Amino acid sequence: IWVVAAVGLVIGAGLYILGIGSAILLLLLLRFLR
């Protein structure tokens, strides 16, 4: 929740590459780093 808020924050600031890239990293971590 905390990280997805950060993703929303940077996308809200117009930093699409950072936001989308961070979201991909978040998804990979949540899905595979178990």
PDB file of all heavy atoms in Angstrom:
ATOM      1  N   ILE A   1       0.840  -1.196   0.000  1.00  0.00           N
ATOM      2  CA  ILE A   1       0.000   0.000   0.000  1.00  0.00           C
ATOM      3  C   ILE A   1       0.880   1.253   0.000  1.00  0.00           C
ATOM      4  O   ILE A   1       0.633   2.208  -0.734  1.00  0.00           O
ATOM      5  CB  ILE A   1      -0.952  -0.019   1.217  1.00  0.00           C
ATOM      6  CG1 ILE A   1      -2.074  -1.033   0.993  1.00  0.00           C
ATOM      7  CG2 ILE A   1      -1.514   1.358   1.526  1.00  0.00           C
ATOM      8  CD1 ILE A   1      -2.917  -1.304   2.224  1.00  0.00           C
ATOM      9  N   TRP A   2       1.914   1.227   0.810  1.00  0.00           N
ATOM     10  CA  TRP A   2       2.817   2.377   0.906  1.00  0.00           C
ATOM     11  C   TRP A   2       3.525   2.621  -0.424  1.00  0.00           C
ATOM     12  O   TRP A   2       3.607   3.752  -0.906  1.00  0.00           O
ATOM     13  CB  TRP A   2       3.815   2.109   2.036  1.00  0.00           C
ATOM     14  CG  TRP A   2       4.633   3.265   2.455  1.00  0.00           C
ATOM     15  CD1 TRP A   2       4.205   4.434   3.009  1.00  0.00           C
ATOM     16  CD2 TRP A   2       6.050   3.370   2.356  1.00  0.00           C
ATOM     17  NE1 TRP A   2       5.277   5.244   3.275  1.00  0.00           N
ATOM     18  CE2 TRP A   2       6.417   4.611   2.880  1.00  0.00           C
ATOM     19  CE3 TRP A   2       7.035   2.505   1.892  1.00  0.00           C
ATOM     20  CZ2 TRP A   2       7.731   5.030   2.948  1.00  0.00           C
ATOM     21  CZ3 TRP A   2       8.352   2.926   1.963  1.00  0.00           C
ATOM     22  CH2 TRP A   2       8.686   4.175   2.479  1.00  0.00           C
ATOM     23  N   VAL A   3       4.010   1.546  -1.058  1.00  0.00           N
ATOM     24  CA  VAL A   3       4.727   1.691  -2.331  1.00  0.00           C
ATOM     25  C   VAL A   3       3.782   2.118  -3.449  1.00  0.00           C
ATOM     26  O   VAL A   3       4.129   2.963  -4.269  1.00  0.00           O
ATOM     27  CB  VAL A   3       5.483   0.393  -2.702  1.00  0.00           C
ATOM     28  CG1 VAL A   3       6.081   0.487  -4.100  1.00  0.00           C
ATOM     29  CG2 VAL A   3       6.577   0.114  -1.681  1.00  0.00           C
ATOM     30  N   VAL A   4       2.560   1.554  -3.493  1.00  0.00           N
ATOM     31  CA  VAL A   4       1.640   1.940  -4.566  1.00  0.00           C
ATOM     32  C   VAL A   4       1.228   3.410  -4.398  1.00  0.00           C
ATOM     33  O   VAL A   4       0.959   4.093  -5.386  1.00  0.00           O
ATOM     34  CB  VAL A   4       0.441   0.974  -4.664  1.00  0.00           C
ATOM     35  CG1 VAL A   4      -0.681   1.329  -3.726  1.00  0.00           C
ATOM     36  CG2 VAL A   4      -0.082   0.908  -6.092  1.00  0.00           C
ATOM     37  N   ALA A   5       1.220   3.912  -3.185  1.00  0.00           N
ATOM     38  CA  ALA A   5       0.976   5.346  -2.985  1.00  0.00           C
ATOM     39  C   ALA A   5       2.126   6.159  -3.574  1.00  0.00           C
ATOM     40  O   ALA A   5       1.901   7.208  -4.191  1.00  0.00           O
ATOM     41  CB  ALA A   5       0.806   5.657  -1.502  1.00  0.00           C
ATOM     42  N   ALA A   6       3.344   5.667  -3.405  1.00  0.00           N
ATOM     43  CA  ALA A   6       4.497   6.357  -4.001  1.00  0.00           C
ATOM     44  C   ALA A   6       4.403   6.326  -5.522  1.00  0.00           C
ATOM     45  O   ALA A   6       4.717   7.326  -6.188  1.00  0.00           O
ATOM     46  CB  ALA A   6       5.795   5.709  -3.531  1.00  0.00           C
ATOM     47  N   VAL A   7       3.945   5.207  -6.077  1.00  0.00           N
ATOM     48  CA  VAL A   7       3.755   5.110  -7.523  1.00  0.00           C
ATOM     49  C   VAL A   7       2.728   6.150  -7.967  1.00  0.00           C
ATOM     50  O   VAL A   7       2.943   6.879  -8.942  1.00  0.00           O
ATOM     51  CB  VAL A   7       3.317   3.678  -7.927  1.00  0.00           C
ATOM     52  CG1 VAL A   7       2.830   3.635  -9.368  1.00  0.00           C
ATOM     53  CG2 VAL A   7       4.464   2.697  -7.727  1.00  0.00           C
ATOM     54  N   GLY A   8       1.625   6.242  -7.247  1.00  0.00           N
ATOM     55  CA  GLY A   8       0.620   7.255  -7.567  1.00  0.00           C
ATOM     56  C   GLY A   8       1.174   8.659  -7.452  1.00  0.00           C
ATOM     57  O   GLY A   8       0.883   9.524  -8.288  1.00  0.00           O
ATOM     58  N   LEU A   9       1.996   8.896  -6.451  1.00  0.00           N
ATOM     59  CA  LEU A   9       2.587  10.215  -6.251  1.00  0.00           C
ATOM     60  C   LEU A   9       3.460  10.607  -7.441  1.00  0.00           C
ATOM     61  O   LEU A   9       3.326  11.706  -7.987  1.00  0.00           O
ATOM     62  CB  LEU A   9       3.416  10.222  -4.956  1.00  0.00           C
ATOM     63  CG  LEU A   9       3.932  11.571  -4.492  1.00  0.00           C
ATOM     64  CD1 LEU A   9       3.995  11.594  -2.975  1.00  0.00           C
ATOM     65  CD2 LEU A   9       5.298  11.886  -5.058  1.00  0.00           C
ATOM     66  N   VAL A  10       4.363   9.712  -7.878  1.00  0.00           N
ATOM     67  CA  VAL A  10       5.255  10.091  -8.976  1.00  0.00           C
ATOM     68  C   VAL A  10       4.500  10.200 -10.297  1.00  0.00           C
ATOM     69  O   VAL A  10       4.819  11.062 -11.117  1.00  0.00           O
ATOM     70  CB  VAL A  10       6.490   9.167  -9.090  1.00  0.00           C
ATOM     71  CG1 VAL A  10       7.349   9.269  -7.849  1.00  0.00           C
ATOM     72  CG2 VAL A  10       6.128   7.740  -9.385  1.00  0.00           C
ATOM     73  N   ILE A  11       3.481   9.363 -10.497  1.00  0.00           N
ATOM     74  CA  ILE A  11       2.684   9.505 -11.721  1.00  0.00           C
ATOM     75  C   ILE A  11       1.891  10.801 -11.660  1.00  0.00           C
ATOM     76  O   ILE A  11       1.775  11.515 -12.653  1.00  0.00           O
ATOM     77  CB  ILE A  11       1.778   8.285 -11.941  1.00  0.00           C
ATOM     78  CG1 ILE A  11       2.643   7.086 -12.323  1.00  0.00           C
ATOM     79  CG2 ILE A  11       0.730   8.562 -13.012  1.00  0.00           C
ATOM     80  CD1 ILE A  11       1.903   5.790 -12.425  1.00  0.00           C
ATOM     81  N   GLY A  12       1.389  11.140 -10.474  1.00  0.00           N
ATOM     82  CA  GLY A  12       0.698  12.419 -10.310  1.00  0.00           C
ATOM     83  C   GLY A  12       1.593  13.595 -10.624  1.00  0.00           C
ATOM     84  O   GLY A  12       1.129  14.642 -11.082  1.00  0.00           O
ATOM     85  N   ALA A  13       2.889  13.422 -10.408  1.00  0.00           N
ATOM     86  CA  ALA A  13       3.858  14.474 -10.724  1.00  0.00           C
ATOM     87  C   ALA A  13       4.269  14.435 -12.199  1.00  0.00           C
ATOM     88  O   ALA A  13       5.046  15.275 -12.642  1.00  0.00           O
ATOM     89  CB  ALA A  13       5.086  14.338  -9.835  1.00  0.00           C
ATOM     90  N   GLY A  14       3.740  13.452 -12.945  1.00  0.00           N
ATOM     91  CA  GLY A  14       4.065  13.361 -14.372  1.00  0.00           C
ATOM     92  C   GLY A  14       5.294  12.530 -14.674  1.00  0.00           C
ATOM     93  O   GLY A  14       5.769  12.518 -15.805  1.00  0.00           O
ATOM     94  N   LEU A  15       5.811  11.807 -13.700  1.00  0.00           N
ATOM     95  CA  LEU A  15       7.003  10.980 -13.895  1.00  0.00           C
ATOM     96  C   LEU A  15       6.566   9.557 -14.264  1.00  0.00           C
ATOM     97  O   LEU A  15       6.674   8.618 -13.483  1.00  0.00           O
ATOM     98  CB  LEU A  15       7.859  10.990 -12.623  1.00  0.00           C
ATOM     99  CG  LEU A  15       8.273  12.390 -12.140  1.00  0.00           C
ATOM    100  CD1 LEU A  15       8.944  12.322 -10.791  1.00  0.00           C
ATOM    101  CD2 LEU A  15       9.167  13.060 -13.171  1.00  0.00           C
ATOM    102  N   TYR A  16       6.075   9.416 -15.495  1.00  0.00           N
ATOM    103  CA  TYR A  16       5.474   8.160 -15.935  1.00  0.00           C
ATOM    104  C   TYR A  16       6.464   6.996 -15.949  1.00  0.00           C
ATOM    105  O   TYR A  16       6.126   5.885 -15.532  1.00  0.00           O
ATOM    106  CB  TYR A  16       4.857   8.313 -17.333  1.00  0.00           C
ATOM    107  CG  TYR A  16       3.719   9.294 -17.378  1.00  0.00           C
ATOM    108  CD1 TYR A  16       3.868  10.538 -17.962  1.00  0.00           C
ATOM    109  CD2 TYR A  16       2.493   8.957 -16.827  1.00  0.00           C
ATOM    110  CE1 TYR A  16       2.822  11.435 -18.007  1.00  0.00           C
ATOM    111  CE2 TYR A  16       1.435   9.848 -16.863  1.00  0.00           C
ATOM    112  CZ  TYR A  16       1.604  11.090 -17.456  1.00  0.00           C
ATOM    113  OH  TYR A  16       0.562  11.970 -17.488  1.00  0.00           O
ATOM    114  N   ILE A  17       7.661   7.212 -16.446  1.00  0.00           N
ATOM    115  CA  ILE A  17       8.636   6.118 -16.536  1.00  0.00           C
ATOM    116  C   ILE A  17       8.986   5.610 -15.145  1.00  0.00           C
ATOM    117  O   ILE A  17       9.002   4.399 -14.899  1.00  0.00           O
ATOM    118  CB  ILE A  17       9.896   6.567 -17.311  1.00  0.00           C
ATOM    119  CG1 ILE A  17       9.513   6.823 -18.772  1.00  0.00           C
ATOM    120  CG2 ILE A  17      11.003   5.513 -17.204  1.00  0.00           C
ATOM    121  CD1 ILE A  17      10.620   7.456 -19.596  1.00  0.00           C
ATOM    122  N   LEU A  18       9.249   6.525 -14.225  1.00  0.00           N
ATOM    123  CA  LEU A  18       9.554   6.123 -12.847  1.00  0.00           C
ATOM    124  C   LEU A  18       8.369   5.394 -12.226  1.00  0.00           C
ATOM    125  O   LEU A  18       8.541   4.353 -11.583  1.00  0.00           O
ATOM    126  CB  LEU A  18       9.925   7.356 -12.006  1.00  0.00           C
ATOM    127  CG  LEU A  18      10.212   7.098 -10.534  1.00  0.00           C
ATOM    128  CD1 LEU A  18      11.373   6.136 -10.358  1.00  0.00           C
ATOM    129  CD2 LEU A  18      10.490   8.428  -9.823  1.00  0.00           C
ATOM    130  N   GLY A  19       7.161   5.894 -12.420  1.00  0.00           N
ATOM    131  CA  GLY A  19       5.977   5.271 -11.833  1.00  0.00           C
ATOM    132  C   GLY A  19       5.682   3.907 -12.411  1.00  0.00           C
ATOM    133  O   GLY A  19       5.474   2.940 -11.671  1.00  0.00           O
ATOM    134  N   ILE A  20       5.676   3.801 -13.720  1.00  0.00           N
ATOM    135  CA  ILE A  20       5.376   2.519 -14.356  1.00  0.00           C
ATOM    136  C   ILE A  20       6.496   1.520 -14.085  1.00  0.00           C
ATOM    137  O   ILE A  20       6.243   0.356 -13.764  1.00  0.00           O
ATOM    138  CB  ILE A  20       5.122   2.710 -15.866  1.00  0.00           C
ATOM    139  CG1 ILE A  20       3.825   3.514 -16.070  1.00  0.00           C
ATOM    140  CG2 ILE A  20       5.058   1.365 -16.596  1.00  0.00           C
ATOM    141  CD1 ILE A  20       3.594   3.994 -17.493  1.00  0.00           C
ATOM    142  N   GLY A  21       7.739   1.955 -14.175  1.00  0.00           N
ATOM    143  CA  GLY A  21       8.872   1.072 -13.877  1.00  0.00           C
ATOM    144  C   GLY A  21       8.839   0.581 -12.435  1.00  0.00           C
ATOM    145  O   GLY A  21       9.068  -0.604 -12.160  1.00  0.00           O
ATOM    146  N   SER A  22       8.518   1.466 -11.507  1.00  0.00           N
ATOM    147  CA  SER A  22       8.425   1.086 -10.098  1.00  0.00           C
ATOM    148  C   SER A  22       7.287   0.098  -9.876  1.00  0.00           C
ATOM    149  O   SER A  22       7.409  -0.851  -9.094  1.00  0.00           O
ATOM    150  CB  SER A  22       8.215   2.322  -9.219  1.00  0.00           C
ATOM    151  OG  SER A  22       9.325   3.182  -9.316  1.00  0.00           O
ATOM    152  N   ALA A  23       6.180   0.308 -10.566  1.00  0.00           N
ATOM    153  CA  ALA A  23       5.047  -0.612 -10.438  1.00  0.00           C
ATOM    154  C   ALA A  23       5.410  -1.991 -10.968  1.00  0.00           C
ATOM    155  O   ALA A  23       5.029  -3.005 -10.381  1.00  0.00           O
ATOM    156  CB  ALA A  23       3.832  -0.056 -11.179  1.00  0.00           C
ATOM    157  N   ILE A  24       6.145  -2.046 -12.056  1.00  0.00           N
ATOM    158  CA  ILE A  24       6.589  -3.341 -12.590  1.00  0.00           C
ATOM    159  C   ILE A  24       7.485  -4.042 -11.582  1.00  0.00           C
ATOM    160  O   ILE A  24       7.325  -5.234 -11.309  1.00  0.00           O
ATOM    161  CB  ILE A  24       7.288  -3.164 -13.957  1.00  0.00           C
ATOM    162  CG1 ILE A  24       6.257  -2.752 -15.014  1.00  0.00           C
ATOM    163  CG2 ILE A  24       8.038  -4.435 -14.364  1.00  0.00           C
ATOM    164  CD1 ILE A  24       6.860  -2.289 -16.329  1.00  0.00           C
ATOM    165  N   LEU A  25       8.421  -3.300 -10.992  1.00  0.00           N
ATOM    166  CA  LEU A  25       9.286  -3.887  -9.961  1.00  0.00           C
ATOM    167  C   LEU A  25       8.472  -4.370  -8.767  1.00  0.00           C
ATOM    168  O   LEU A  25       8.725  -5.449  -8.225  1.00  0.00           O
ATOM    169  CB  LEU A  25      10.339  -2.872  -9.511  1.00  0.00           C
ATOM    170  CG  LEU A  25      11.391  -2.505 -10.553  1.00  0.00           C
ATOM    171  CD1 LEU A  25      12.269  -1.374 -10.033  1.00  0.00           C
ATOM    172  CD2 LEU A  25      12.224  -3.718 -10.923  1.00  0.00           C
ATOM    173  N   LEU A  26       7.494  -3.584  -8.361  1.00  0.00           N
ATOM    174  CA  LEU A  26       6.629  -3.971  -7.250  1.00  0.00           C
ATOM    175  C   LEU A  26       5.877  -5.267  -7.571  1.00  0.00           C
ATOM    176  O   LEU A  26       5.824  -6.185  -6.749  1.00  0.00           O
ATOM    177  CB  LEU A  26       5.638  -2.843  -6.927  1.00  0.00           C
ATOM    178  CG  LEU A  26       4.569  -3.138  -5.879  1.00  0.00           C
ATOM    179  CD1 LEU A  26       5.196  -3.481  -4.535  1.00  0.00           C
ATOM    180  CD2 LEU A  26       3.633  -1.948  -5.750  1.00  0.00           C
ATOM    181  N   LEU A  27       5.312  -5.340  -8.764  1.00  0.00           N
ATOM    182  CA  LEU A  27       4.599  -6.553  -9.163  1.00  0.00           C
ATOM    183  C   LEU A  27       5.519  -7.765  -9.184  1.00  0.00           C
ATOM    184  O   LEU A  27       5.151  -8.843  -8.710  1.00  0.00           O
ATOM    185  CB  LEU A  27       3.979  -6.369 -10.549  1.00  0.00           C
ATOM    186  CG  LEU A  27       2.636  -5.671 -10.582  1.00  0.00           C
ATOM    187  CD1 LEU A  27       2.269  -5.308 -12.014  1.00  0.00           C
ATOM    188  CD2 LEU A  27       1.571  -6.552  -9.968  1.00  0.00           C
ATOM    189  N   LEU A  28       6.702  -7.610  -9.739  1.00  0.00           N
ATOM    190  CA  LEU A  28       7.655  -8.719  -9.780  1.00  0.00           C
ATOM    191  C   LEU A  28       8.015  -9.174  -8.373  1.00  0.00           C
ATOM    192  O   LEU A  28       8.059 -10.375  -8.091  1.00  0.00           O
ATOM    193  CB  LEU A  28       8.911  -8.318 -10.557  1.00  0.00           C
ATOM    194  CG  LEU A  28       8.739  -8.141 -12.061  1.00  0.00           C
ATOM    195  CD1 LEU A  28      10.011  -7.558 -12.680  1.00  0.00           C
ATOM    196  CD2 LEU A  28       8.362  -9.450 -12.736  1.00  0.00           C
ATOM    197  N   LEU A  29       8.258  -8.232  -7.507  1.00  0.00           N
ATOM    198  CA  LEU A  29       8.608  -8.566  -6.131  1.00  0.00           C
ATOM    199  C   LEU A  29       7.460  -9.291  -5.438  1.00  0.00           C
ATOM    200  O   LEU A  29       7.666 -10.340  -4.824  1.00  0.00           O
ATOM    201  CB  LEU A  29       8.965  -7.295  -5.368  1.00  0.00           C
ATOM    202  CG  LEU A  29       9.492  -7.509  -3.971  1.00  0.00           C
ATOM    203  CD1 LEU A  29      10.586  -6.504  -3.691  1.00  0.00           C
ATOM    204  CD2 LEU A  29       8.408  -7.394  -2.937  1.00  0.00           C
ATOM    205  N   LEU A  30       6.252  -8.769  -5.541  1.00  0.00           N
ATOM    206  CA  LEU A  30       5.113  -9.391  -4.879  1.00  0.00           C
ATOM    207  C   LEU A  30       4.813 -10.772  -5.457  1.00  0.00           C
ATOM    208  O   LEU A  30       4.418 -11.682  -4.727  1.00  0.00           O
ATOM    209  CB  LEU A  30       3.873  -8.502  -4.995  1.00  0.00           C
ATOM    210  CG  LEU A  30       3.890  -7.223  -4.170  1.00  0.00           C
ATOM    211  CD1 LEU A  30       2.695  -6.345  -4.524  1.00  0.00           C
ATOM    212  CD2 LEU A  30       3.914  -7.533  -2.686  1.00  0.00           C
ATOM    213  N   ARG A  31       4.992 -10.924  -6.744  1.00  0.00           N
ATOM    214  CA  ARG A  31       4.626 -12.188  -7.397  1.00  0.00           C
ATOM    215  C   ARG A  31       5.673 -13.273  -7.210  1.00  0.00           C
ATOM    216  O   ARG A  31       5.337 -14.429  -7.003  1.00  0.00           O
ATOM    217  CB  ARG A  31       4.400 -11.937  -8.894  1.00  0.00           C
ATOM    218  CG  ARG A  31       3.873 -13.112  -9.618  1.00  0.00           C
ATOM    219  CD  ARG A  31       2.448 -13.374  -9.197  1.00  0.00           C
ATOM    220  NE  ARG A  31       1.962 -14.552  -9.853  1.00  0.00           N
ATOM    221  CZ  ARG A  31       1.100 -15.368  -9.322  1.00  0.00           C
ATOM    222  NH1 ARG A  31       0.587 -15.122  -8.148  1.00  0.00           N
ATOM    223  NH2 ARG A  31       0.704 -16.431  -9.960  1.00  0.00           N
ATOM    224  N   PHE A  32       6.945 -12.913  -7.301  1.00  0.00           N
ATOM    225  CA  PHE A  32       7.976 -13.941  -7.369  1.00  0.00           C
ATOM    226  C   PHE A  32       8.899 -14.019  -6.157  1.00  0.00           C
ATOM    227  O   PHE A  32       9.517 -15.052  -5.941  1.00  0.00           O
ATOM    228  CB  PHE A  32       8.816 -13.765  -8.632  1.00  0.00           C
ATOM    229  CG  PHE A  32       8.005 -13.899  -9.877  1.00  0.00           C
ATOM    230  CD1 PHE A  32       7.784 -12.808 -10.699  1.00  0.00           C
ATOM    231  CD2 PHE A  32       7.424 -15.113 -10.219  1.00  0.00           C
ATOM    232  CE1 PHE A  32       7.020 -12.934 -11.842  1.00  0.00           C
ATOM    233  CE2 PHE A  32       6.652 -15.241 -11.355  1.00  0.00           C
ATOM    234  CZ  PHE A  32       6.450 -14.151 -12.174  1.00  0.00           C
ATOM    235  N   LEU A  33       9.027 -12.981  -5.398  1.00  0.00           N
ATOM    236  CA  LEU A  33       9.949 -13.015  -4.263  1.00  0.00           C
ATOM    237  C   LEU A  33       9.215 -13.517  -3.024  1.00  0.00           C
ATOM    238  O   LEU A  33       8.998 -12.806  -2.059  1.00  0.00           O
ATOM    239  CB  LEU A  33      10.572 -11.635  -4.019  1.00  0.00           C
ATOM    240  CG  LEU A  33      11.795 -11.634  -3.104  1.00  0.00           C
ATOM    241  CD1 LEU A  33      12.879 -12.536  -3.650  1.00  0.00           C
ATOM    242  CD2 LEU A  33      12.310 -10.247  -2.899  1.00  0.00           C
ATOM    243  N   ARG A  34       8.819 -14.774  -3.097  1.00  0.00           N
ATOM    244  CA  ARG A  34       8.138 -15.455  -1.995  1.00  0.00           C
ATOM    245  C   ARG A  34       8.969 -16.671  -1.657  1.00  0.00           C
ATOM    246  O   ARG A  34       9.503 -17.332  -2.543  1.00  0.00           O
ATOM    247  CB  ARG A  34       6.754 -15.931  -2.400  1.00  0.00           C
ATOM    248  CG  ARG A  34       5.813 -14.848  -2.819  1.00  0.00           C
ATOM    249  CD  ARG A  34       4.570 -15.518  -3.389  1.00  0.00           C
ATOM    250  NE  ARG A  34       3.747 -14.526  -4.028  1.00  0.00           N
ATOM    251  CZ  ARG A  34       2.488 -14.321  -3.717  1.00  0.00           C
ATOM    252  NH1 ARG A  34       1.898 -15.036  -2.801  1.00  0.00           N
ATOM    253  NH2 ARG A  34       1.794 -13.406  -4.334  1.00  0.00           N
TER     254      ARG A  34
END
